[in-house]
Structure formats: C-alpha cells, structure tokens
Protein backbone atom coordinates (compact mmCIF):
# COMPACT_ATOMS: atom_id res chain seq x y z
CA MET A 1 5.25 22.82 -15.90
CA LEU A 2 6.26 20.68 -12.95
CA THR A 3 6.76 16.99 -13.62
CA PRO A 4 4.47 14.64 -11.66
CA ARG A 5 7.38 13.83 -9.36
CA GLU A 6 8.06 17.52 -8.69
CA ASN A 7 4.38 18.29 -8.24
CA LEU A 8 3.95 15.47 -5.73
CA LEU A 9 6.76 16.92 -3.62
CA GLN A 10 5.04 20.31 -3.65
CA ILE A 11 1.86 18.67 -2.34
CA ILE A 12 3.46 16.73 0.51
CA GLN A 13 5.77 19.60 1.46
CA GLY A 14 3.00 22.19 1.60
CA GLY A 15 4.26 24.10 -1.42
CA LYS A 16 2.54 25.29 -4.56
CA PRO A 17 1.40 22.36 -6.69
CA GLU A 18 0.36 23.19 -10.23
CA TYR A 19 -2.26 20.44 -10.51
CA LEU A 20 -3.90 17.55 -8.69
CA MET A 21 -2.08 14.22 -8.95
CA ASP A 22 -3.60 11.52 -11.14
CA GLN A 23 -4.01 9.03 -8.29
CA ARG A 24 -0.87 6.89 -7.86
CA SER A 25 0.70 7.86 -11.19
CA TYR A 26 3.68 9.49 -9.47
CA LEU A 27 4.88 5.97 -8.59
CA GLY A 28 6.75 4.02 -11.24
CA THR A 29 6.46 0.54 -9.79
CA ALA A 30 9.36 -1.91 -10.00
CA PHE A 31 7.95 -5.36 -9.33
CA ASP A 32 10.23 -8.30 -8.61
CA PRO A 33 10.03 -12.11 -8.52
CA ILE A 34 10.53 -12.37 -4.76
CA ILE A 35 7.45 -10.36 -3.86
CA ALA A 36 5.40 -11.83 -6.71
CA ASP A 37 5.93 -15.35 -5.34
CA SER A 38 5.69 -14.45 -1.66
CA VAL A 39 2.32 -12.74 -2.15
CA GLY A 40 0.83 -15.07 -4.71
CA PHE A 41 -1.10 -13.11 -7.33
CA CYS A 42 -4.09 -14.95 -8.74
CA ASN A 43 -6.93 -14.13 -11.11
CA VAL A 44 -10.68 -14.26 -10.55
CA GLY A 45 -11.78 -17.84 -10.02
CA GLU A 46 -8.28 -19.09 -9.17
CA THR A 47 -6.77 -20.61 -6.01
CA LEU A 48 -3.02 -20.86 -5.41
CA THR A 49 -0.46 -21.37 -2.67
CA ASN A 50 2.10 -18.61 -2.21
CA ALA A 51 5.77 -19.03 -1.31
CA TRP A 52 4.98 -18.85 2.43
CA GLY A 53 2.51 -21.72 2.06
CA ALA A 54 -0.65 -19.63 2.44
CA THR A 55 -3.62 -20.56 0.25
CA ILE A 56 -5.11 -17.63 -1.68
CA THR A 57 -8.48 -17.61 -3.47
CA TRP A 58 -10.15 -14.98 -5.64
CA ALA A 59 -13.79 -15.96 -5.67
CA GLU A 60 -16.24 -14.77 -8.30
CA GLY A 61 -17.93 -11.53 -7.25
CA GLN A 62 -15.25 -10.56 -4.72
CA PRO A 63 -13.16 -7.37 -5.17
CA GLY A 64 -9.86 -9.21 -4.71
CA PRO A 65 -8.07 -12.35 -3.52
CA TYR A 66 -8.37 -13.49 0.10
CA PRO A 67 -6.54 -16.05 2.25
CA SER A 68 -8.23 -19.36 2.90
CA ASP A 69 -8.34 -20.33 6.57
CA THR A 70 -9.42 -23.93 7.04
CA VAL A 71 -8.02 -26.82 9.05
CA GLU A 72 -6.45 -28.14 5.87
CA THR A 73 -4.99 -24.87 4.56
CA ARG A 74 -3.83 -23.14 7.75
CA VAL A 75 -0.03 -23.03 7.92
CA ILE A 76 0.55 -22.27 11.63
CA LYS A 77 -1.38 -24.92 13.55
CA ASP A 78 -0.12 -23.77 16.94
CA ILE A 79 1.36 -20.32 17.60
CA GLU A 80 3.51 -21.69 20.42
CA ARG A 81 5.23 -23.92 17.84
CA TRP A 82 5.29 -21.45 14.95
CA LYS A 83 8.92 -22.31 14.16
CA ASP A 84 7.80 -25.84 13.22
CA TYR A 85 5.53 -24.47 10.51
CA VAL A 86 6.92 -21.23 9.09
CA VAL A 87 9.69 -21.33 6.50
CA ALA A 88 10.51 -18.05 4.80
CA PRO A 89 11.05 -18.25 1.02
CA ASP A 90 14.68 -17.85 -0.01
CA PRO A 91 15.13 -14.44 -1.67
CA ASP A 92 18.51 -15.52 -3.10
CA SER A 93 17.04 -18.42 -5.09
CA TYR A 94 16.14 -16.41 -8.20
CA THR A 95 18.23 -16.51 -11.36
CA GLU A 96 19.09 -13.70 -13.71
CA ASP A 97 16.50 -15.09 -16.09
CA ASP A 98 13.90 -14.79 -13.33
CA TRP A 99 14.86 -11.16 -12.80
CA ALA A 100 15.20 -10.17 -16.47
CA PRO A 101 11.57 -9.16 -17.28
CA PHE A 102 11.28 -7.18 -14.04
CA MET A 103 14.53 -5.33 -14.67
CA GLU A 104 13.45 -4.57 -18.23
CA ALA A 105 10.17 -3.08 -17.02
CA ALA A 106 11.94 -0.99 -14.37
CA SER A 107 14.37 0.42 -16.95
CA LYS A 108 11.44 2.16 -18.67
CA ILE A 109 10.63 4.34 -15.65
CA ASP A 110 11.73 7.96 -16.13
CA ARG A 111 13.03 9.18 -12.77
CA SER A 112 12.45 12.79 -13.73
CA GLN A 113 8.72 12.08 -13.95
CA GLN A 114 8.13 9.31 -11.40
CA PHE A 115 9.63 7.78 -8.30
CA VAL A 116 11.15 4.38 -9.06
CA THR A 117 9.15 2.43 -6.50
CA VAL A 118 9.67 -0.99 -4.98
CA GLU A 119 6.38 -2.59 -3.96
CA VAL A 120 5.95 -4.92 -0.99
CA ALA A 121 2.41 -6.06 -1.56
CA GLN A 122 1.83 -7.88 1.72
CA GLY A 123 3.00 -6.50 5.03
CA ILE A 124 4.03 -8.01 8.33
CA PHE A 125 0.59 -8.20 9.95
CA GLU A 126 -0.97 -9.51 6.75
CA LYS A 127 1.65 -12.22 6.29
CA ILE A 128 1.00 -13.43 9.82
CA HIS A 129 -2.79 -13.58 9.59
CA TYR A 130 -2.50 -15.32 6.20
CA LEU A 131 -0.58 -18.07 8.02
CA LEU A 132 -2.39 -18.13 11.36
CA GLY A 133 -5.89 -16.88 10.54
CA MET A 134 -7.28 -13.46 11.46
CA GLU A 135 -9.05 -14.41 14.69
CA ASP A 136 -6.13 -16.39 16.11
CA THR A 137 -3.68 -13.65 15.11
CA LEU A 138 -5.65 -11.04 17.03
CA CYS A 139 -5.95 -13.37 20.03
CA ALA A 140 -2.24 -14.15 19.95
CA PHE A 141 -1.35 -10.48 20.50
CA MET A 142 -3.02 -10.85 23.90
CA GLU A 143 -2.41 -14.49 24.77
CA ASN A 144 1.01 -15.23 23.22
CA PRO A 145 2.90 -11.93 23.07
CA ASP A 146 6.34 -13.56 23.29
CA GLU A 147 5.70 -15.81 20.31
CA MET A 148 4.21 -12.92 18.35
CA HIS A 149 7.27 -10.77 19.00
CA GLU A 150 9.46 -13.63 17.78
CA LEU A 151 7.37 -14.19 14.66
CA ILE A 152 7.30 -10.48 13.84
CA ASP A 153 11.08 -10.29 14.26
CA TYR A 154 11.38 -13.23 11.86
CA MET A 155 9.23 -11.39 9.31
CA VAL A 156 11.25 -8.19 9.74
CA GLU A 157 14.56 -9.99 9.19
CA TRP A 158 13.17 -11.51 5.99
CA GLU A 159 11.96 -8.11 4.78
CA LEU A 160 15.38 -6.59 5.43
CA ARG A 161 17.08 -9.36 3.42
CA VAL A 162 14.69 -8.74 0.55
CA ALA A 163 15.10 -4.97 0.84
CA GLN A 164 18.87 -5.24 0.42
CA ILE A 165 18.39 -7.13 -2.84
CA GLN A 166 15.74 -4.69 -4.08
CA LEU A 167 17.97 -1.73 -3.25
CA GLU A 168 20.88 -3.22 -5.15
CA ARG A 169 18.74 -4.14 -8.15
CA PHE A 170 16.62 -1.02 -8.58
CA GLN A 171 18.24 1.87 -6.63
CA PRO A 172 14.65 2.93 -5.84
CA ASP A 173 13.44 6.38 -4.86
CA ALA A 174 10.32 5.16 -3.04
CA LEU A 175 8.78 2.20 -1.23
CA PHE A 176 5.11 1.28 -1.54
CA HIS A 177 4.33 -1.08 1.31
CA ALA A 178 0.93 -2.63 2.02
CA ASP A 179 -0.41 -3.72 5.39
CA ASP A 180 -4.08 -3.33 6.29
CA PHE A 181 -4.84 -2.50 9.93
CA GLY A 182 -8.59 -1.88 9.88
CA THR A 183 -12.03 -2.38 8.44
CA GLN A 184 -14.16 0.32 6.84
CA VAL A 185 -15.47 1.44 10.23
CA GLY A 186 -12.83 0.53 12.81
CA THR A 187 -9.30 -0.62 13.53
CA LEU A 188 -8.58 -4.34 13.91
CA PHE A 189 -6.65 -3.87 17.14
CA SER A 190 -5.86 -1.23 19.74
CA ARG A 191 -3.26 1.51 19.67
CA GLY A 192 -1.51 -0.41 22.46
CA VAL A 193 -1.07 -3.42 20.17
CA MET A 194 0.02 -1.13 17.34
CA GLN A 195 2.61 0.58 19.53
CA GLU A 196 3.99 -2.61 21.10
CA PHE A 197 4.15 -4.92 18.10
CA LEU A 198 3.99 -3.10 14.78
CA VAL A 199 5.50 0.35 15.28
CA PRO A 200 8.93 -1.03 16.33
CA ALA A 201 8.86 -3.50 13.44
CA TYR A 202 8.12 -0.82 10.88
CA GLN A 203 10.59 1.60 12.39
CA ARG A 204 13.25 -1.00 11.60
CA VAL A 205 11.94 -1.70 8.09
CA TYR A 206 11.19 1.86 7.02
CA GLY A 207 14.26 3.17 8.80
CA PHE A 208 16.40 0.77 6.77
CA TRP A 209 14.91 2.03 3.52
CA LYS A 210 15.38 5.67 4.51
CA ASP A 211 18.94 5.01 5.69
CA ASN A 212 19.66 3.61 2.24
CA GLY A 213 18.52 6.66 0.32
CA VAL A 214 14.82 6.03 -0.32
CA GLN A 215 13.06 9.38 -0.35
CA LEU A 216 9.42 8.39 -0.01
CA ILE A 217 7.60 5.79 2.13
CA VAL A 218 4.01 5.14 1.00
CA HIS A 219 2.02 2.85 3.28
CA HIS A 220 -1.14 1.26 1.85
CA ASN A 221 -3.94 0.63 4.34
CA ASP A 222 -7.40 0.95 2.75
CA ALA A 223 -9.36 1.13 5.96
CA TYR A 224 -10.43 3.23 8.90
CA SER A 225 -7.26 3.80 10.90
CA ALA A 226 -7.44 7.46 11.94
CA PRO A 227 -6.37 6.67 15.54
CA PHE A 228 -3.12 5.23 14.18
CA VAL A 229 -1.94 8.36 12.34
CA PRO A 230 0.50 9.32 15.14
CA GLU A 231 1.91 5.79 14.90
CA PHE A 232 2.22 6.07 11.11
CA ILE A 233 4.24 9.22 11.65
CA ASP A 234 6.44 7.45 14.21
CA MET A 235 6.95 4.60 11.71
CA GLY A 236 8.31 7.05 9.13
CA VAL A 237 5.39 7.02 6.70
CA ASP A 238 5.31 9.95 4.27
CA ILE A 239 1.98 9.12 2.61
CA TRP A 240 -0.84 7.01 3.99
CA GLN A 241 -2.40 5.54 0.85
CA GLY A 242 -5.92 4.14 1.12
CA PRO A 243 -7.79 6.04 3.85
CA VAL A 244 -11.54 5.69 3.37
CA THR A 245 -13.87 8.64 3.92
CA GLU A 246 -14.86 7.41 7.40
CA ASN A 247 -11.45 8.66 8.58
CA ASP A 248 -12.63 12.30 8.21
CA LEU A 249 -9.87 13.32 5.84
CA PRO A 250 -10.41 17.10 6.16
CA ALA A 251 -9.83 16.80 9.92
CA LEU A 252 -6.74 14.59 9.45
CA VAL A 253 -5.23 16.99 6.90
CA LYS A 254 -5.87 19.92 9.22
CA GLU A 255 -4.32 18.19 12.24
CA TYR A 256 -1.44 16.26 10.69
CA GLY A 257 -0.67 17.95 7.35
CA GLY A 258 3.03 18.73 7.25
CA GLN A 259 3.87 15.58 9.22
CA ILE A 260 2.20 13.11 6.86
CA SER A 261 0.11 13.24 3.68
CA PHE A 262 -2.94 11.24 2.63
CA GLN A 263 -3.87 9.54 -0.64
CA GLY A 264 -7.38 8.14 -1.00
CA GLY A 265 -10.87 9.29 -0.17
CA ILE A 266 -12.50 7.75 -3.26
CA ASP A 267 -13.67 4.57 -1.58
CA ASN A 268 -13.71 1.48 -3.76
CA GLY A 269 -16.60 0.18 -1.69
CA LYS A 270 -18.71 3.20 -2.68
CA PHE A 271 -17.56 4.03 -6.21
CA ASP A 272 -16.03 0.82 -7.59
CA VAL A 273 -19.50 -0.67 -7.98
CA ALA A 274 -21.63 -2.06 -10.78
CA ASP A 275 -23.63 1.16 -11.19
CA TRP A 276 -20.71 3.60 -10.95
CA SER A 277 -21.12 6.84 -12.86
CA PHE A 278 -18.76 9.63 -13.82
CA ASP A 279 -21.07 12.28 -12.38
CA LYS A 280 -21.12 10.64 -8.93
CA ILE A 281 -17.35 10.26 -8.91
CA TYR A 282 -16.81 13.82 -10.15
CA ASP A 283 -19.13 15.31 -7.51
CA HIS A 284 -17.34 13.36 -4.80
CA VAL A 285 -13.86 14.34 -6.00
CA LYS A 286 -14.79 18.01 -6.14
CA SER A 287 -16.30 17.93 -2.66
CA LEU A 288 -13.30 16.05 -1.29
CA VAL A 289 -10.71 18.48 -2.69
CA GLU A 290 -12.70 21.52 -1.63
CA SER A 291 -12.89 20.16 1.92
CA THR A 292 -9.23 19.11 2.29
CA GLY A 293 -7.39 21.62 0.12
CA VAL A 294 -4.72 20.66 -2.38
CA ASN A 295 -1.79 20.22 0.00
CA TYR A 296 -1.13 17.02 1.95
CA MET A 297 -3.97 15.27 0.08
CA ILE A 298 -4.01 13.18 -3.12
CA PRO A 299 -7.53 12.23 -4.24
CA SER A 300 -7.45 8.61 -5.34
CA PHE A 301 -9.25 5.32 -5.25
CA THR A 302 -8.40 3.61 -1.97
CA SER A 303 -7.26 0.35 -3.61
CA ALA A 304 -3.54 -0.38 -3.75
CA GLY A 305 -3.21 -0.60 -7.51
CA PRO A 306 -4.37 1.30 -10.60
CA MET A 307 -7.35 -0.96 -11.14
CA THR A 308 -10.97 -1.46 -10.17
CA ALA A 309 -13.27 -4.46 -9.96
CA PHE A 310 -15.71 -2.81 -12.37
CA PRO A 311 -14.09 -1.73 -15.65
CA GLY A 312 -13.86 1.97 -16.34
CA ALA A 313 -14.28 3.23 -12.78
CA TYR A 314 -10.56 3.92 -12.22
CA GLU A 315 -10.28 5.82 -15.51
CA ALA A 316 -13.41 7.79 -14.64
CA ALA A 317 -11.82 8.85 -11.35
CA SER A 318 -8.69 10.00 -13.19
CA LYS A 319 -10.85 11.99 -15.61
CA ALA A 320 -12.79 13.54 -12.72
CA ILE A 321 -9.57 14.50 -10.92
CA ALA A 322 -8.23 16.13 -14.11
CA GLN A 323 -11.45 18.11 -14.57
CA VAL A 324 -11.50 19.31 -10.96
CA SER A 325 -7.81 20.19 -11.27
CA GLU A 326 -8.50 22.33 -14.33
CA GLU A 327 -11.33 24.09 -12.53
CA LEU A 328 -9.45 24.76 -9.29
CA LEU A 329 -5.84 25.15 -10.42
CA GLY A 330 -6.09 25.88 -14.12
CA ALA A 331 -4.13 22.79 -15.18
CA SER A 332 -4.18 19.01 -15.00
CA GLN A 333 -1.37 16.50 -14.84
CA PRO A 334 0.56 16.01 -18.09
CA PRO A 335 0.85 12.46 -19.46
CA ILE A 336 3.75 10.33 -18.26
CA THR A 337 6.00 8.92 -20.99
CA PRO A 338 8.40 5.94 -20.76
CA ALA A 339 12.11 6.55 -20.40
CA VAL A 340 14.00 6.61 -23.68
C-alpha cells in the first residue's frame, strides 16, 4: 500500500491514489522557536504580546486568537513612519537549548510516510494588519502604496532570513504557510492589490523555498478566495489549504486541477460547532468527494491545524473520511508511526 506521502503525490499529480488522505496527516510539522515567538500562541482566556509587538487575545467563546487593535495596543501609529515602530525579531538570538525540543520533535518524523514540514503560522499580510489594524492596512494599499511596498519588502527579507535557518535546521520537504486573504463570502481586497503587492512577495518567498529543494508549498487561507486561484498558481502554491465551500470546489477542481490542488471543504464554521454530529459530517464528506472526485482534492477541516474548537469534531471528520474512502476506493489511510 502507498504511504501517505506517496498517496498525496498521486492525488496532486492526477494519478491513482489508493485512499483519501486523513486531512493534513501527510504533513509532519517541524515547529521552531522563531515562529512560535513571532506569532504568539496563547490559550483560551489569555492575552499576550508576540515578538513583533502585536497584542493577541483568545477570548472565551471565540474559535481562535485574534489581534487587539486599540490606541494603546496598535504598533504602527502612522504608516508613513512605519520604520519608527516596526522592529523585526532577531532570528539568530535563539540558543541550542531553545532549539533542542523542536529538533527532538522533528527527528521523530518518518520521511517515508510524511513530508517534514516547516510551518510559518502568520503570513505577510497578516503580520502587517496585526501591527497596523485591518481597516488601516486595507486603506494603505490605496493611499500609501510606497510605504506598503517598503513594509512588505521588510517582511519578505525577514522571512528569507528565517527560511535559511529553517532549511539548515530541518532540511524540510514542505512548507506550510498561512496568510488569510478573505472572509467566508468574499476577498478582503481586489485582484489588483493581490497582483501588485502580494504575488511578487510570495514569488520571492516560495521561490526561495523551491530553489532550496522544498517539494511542496501548502498555503493556508480558510476563506473565500476563488478569484485568487490564478494568483496562487503564479505564487507557486501546490495546495491551497482551507477553502470553504462557498468557493465552489467542484468548479475549481475542474478548472484548475493539475495546476493546483485543494484541501478543505469541511468548513469549521459549519461543522466545528456545539451540536456537531458524525452523521452530518459524514454526509457532507461523501457529497464533497462525489462532487470533486479524488484527484486534486483533499477533504479536510478548513482550519490550519489538526484541532477544533469543539472536542471530537476533528476526529469525527477523520473517521468520516476513512469510511467514505473505504466505500469509494476500498481502503483507508494506514496509521502513521513515528520514526525509529
């Protein structure tokens, strides 16, 4: 039987997969201290300040942490003077002791089963609106394009510095990079903004990873962003992870399959809810797979990680995917074991 890694390649290359993938299980994630501090991971009910100075809060009842944008917490007070406010965290400041637990965890990933995957959990657009606020970020694309180009270049240069360290440490096979560009029903900005500001930035970032031997670029964006698929392809994305059902996944697979693949379609907003049920998730998974086919599509929760706000929902989706896989392909994904 094909390993999960081999089976994933069959799916995205239009081959003959033996089973449906168990969501994002093909990725063996190698976390690191640089990204952990730059993002700022907090628990429900906590507030913290990340290494860029952005304040993050995970309020009770919310599905995840969000940036705080108040007069007191905003980092960039004036986009025209962004250099006075923004100081990138130093990626060279971490000791071997800081790296040790992350390297130990990465050593347990079996490359024959999974892609050793570096994760950048907050992308260029997200880092900027965490510092400047969403509304002012969107306005600045129109009103202060020169400053925005400069700030984006600054973010890109930082990402490339970090990437070099991650490449040396992990010799990764894949990159999982998050940057949300839309809401559930629309994009946050126009294709013109995407093409002018973000496509060139990501061509540099993703091109650097590909030039250094990374096989797979997975871009997380759990939103409606169907108009941006040509731009994702231009950026070098292999898998768009996170598309919600409003994107019309059967149509996207039909039009773009072979150029890019899609992972999502089980919307957290619809199925990661207090009254989730296995039957509802199973019916949705079966309908999704029957409408898209098994190539160029990985049914999965749209969230970035293997977790849900309501316990048990993620595991129910995995069980539903395995059952549909058995029914349609005669097999389900074998369990993944740690490297010996």
